[in-house]
Amino acid sequence: RSKFRFQHATMVNTVVSFDKLKALWHSEVHDEQKWAANMVILLPSLYIHRLSLRLGLNSLVSAAIVNFGLDFLPLLLLSLLIADCASRPLYRLPSEARDGTKKPLQTSRAFNVAHRGSNGEFPEETAPAYMRAIEEGADFIESDILSTKDGVLICHHDVNLDDTTDVADHKEFADRKRTYEVQGMNLTGFFTVDFTLDELKTIGAKQRYPFRDQQYNGKFPIITFDEYISIALDASRVVGIYPEIKNPVFINQQVKWGNGKKFEDKIVETLEKYGYKGSYMSEDWLKQPIFIQSFAATSLVYISNLTDSPKVFLIDDVTILTEDTNKTYAEITSDAYLDYIKPYVVGIGPWKDTIVPVNGNRLTTPTDLVAKAHSRNLQVHPYTYRNENQFLHFGFYQDAYLEYDYWINKIGVDGLFTDFTGSLHNFQELSSPLPKLQ
């Protein structure tokens, strides 16, 4: 029974084919009578799976089944039906056709980019973090794309799992600890490339920062790239996605796909599967907005031959070496390099301290990076804006609204990566409310 609960929870929590389910059930039953009896459970389970994905509650549904067992199915089905009807009008899942009647993306003010979802409240890059960000008004939900051992694309910021999951509590994985060289540094821990997707789905996400709410630790699993896309497409209004090609050098070294495919190829193939296409502000782009980001310029140049979706080049501290070119970001921000990268990208995403250097937690004189970008018709989307005192510079007097005002109205950025989508949305609604048509 416990084995079945685990299998059933896995089934509800992941997008699997009916053939896979059928194979699972054939492995459990040996006569027609048992098969018929189990189908009574299977068919409602499939419907529960569909509803839970629609509502973004698949991880909660999985936990409920594990904790309460199969007797909970009728009540669970009824609860999901009520929640589905109450939440918004029924419409088809994102993998199917959409009717184009959603409220459009706002384009009249700086983009509100939910950095790893609303991770000031929920563990980063989990389904609840993204659902909350959409509820709070995010224009885009941002994610870091990595790969599992079996080549499945997932949403997770670090190549290792130690800081944002409870993997260390899973004794069955104690022998998976490894040391790898990542961007010139030796890192020891548990790495995504040493786990299959099924194994990762048993690991719970947790808050990165100890001063944030810890009550959700271990309650939500890592999600796949497909699940992340589905959350955006299933929103009741148009919500963009902002995936990062994360650590491509490392991933391409450790994970091999067939037919000579690279990590970057798999990301673009997934985006094409869901209909993402079109240059910035084109009709296709406005229907399904996307920015593809990376710290690796070579990855952005490579995918420029695969997709016309807009790309953003990320910029770190000026003293750090890039992972793919061995240049410092000081060289990357030069006029010559911006001229080189301009044909491939629509913007840059700098660390905000690269735009306005900090000394003793106080802002100093802004650089000319924003002006150089804008003179080349490149957008500027800095990262990361956080509400806590630990992250606010002294000149903002612990007031996140003052920080937003400074960056939007004085520095003139075109988008902001924030851990607190709601506070940025509220500030913008107060300072620059949208026209009524939007």
Foldseek 3Di string as FASTA:
>chain_A
DLVVLLVLLLPLQDDDDVVVVVVVVVVVDDDPVVVVVVVVQVVLSVVLSQLCLLVLNSLVVSVCCNVPNSVCSVVSSVVSVVCVVVVDDDDDFLLDDDDLPFAFQDQPAFAEEAFQALLLAPQGVFSVRNLVLVVLPHQEYEFEWAAALQGFIFTDADQADPQWKPVVVDPVCPVQWDWDQALNDIDTHHGRSSHDPSVQQQIWTARNDPVGDGPCHRRTTTGTPLSSLRSQSSDRHHHEYEYEHHRQVVRQVRYDDPPRDGSLNVVLVSCVSSQQADAPPDPSCRNHPYEYEYCDLVSLVVCLVVGRHAYEHEAEPQQGAGSHPRHGSVVCLDLVNCVVSLVRHQAYEYAVCQQFPDDPLATDDGDCSCVSQVVSNHAYEYDDQEQDPVPHRVVQVSDSLSVLCCCCPPVNHRYYHYSRSNVNVVSCCVVPNDPPSD
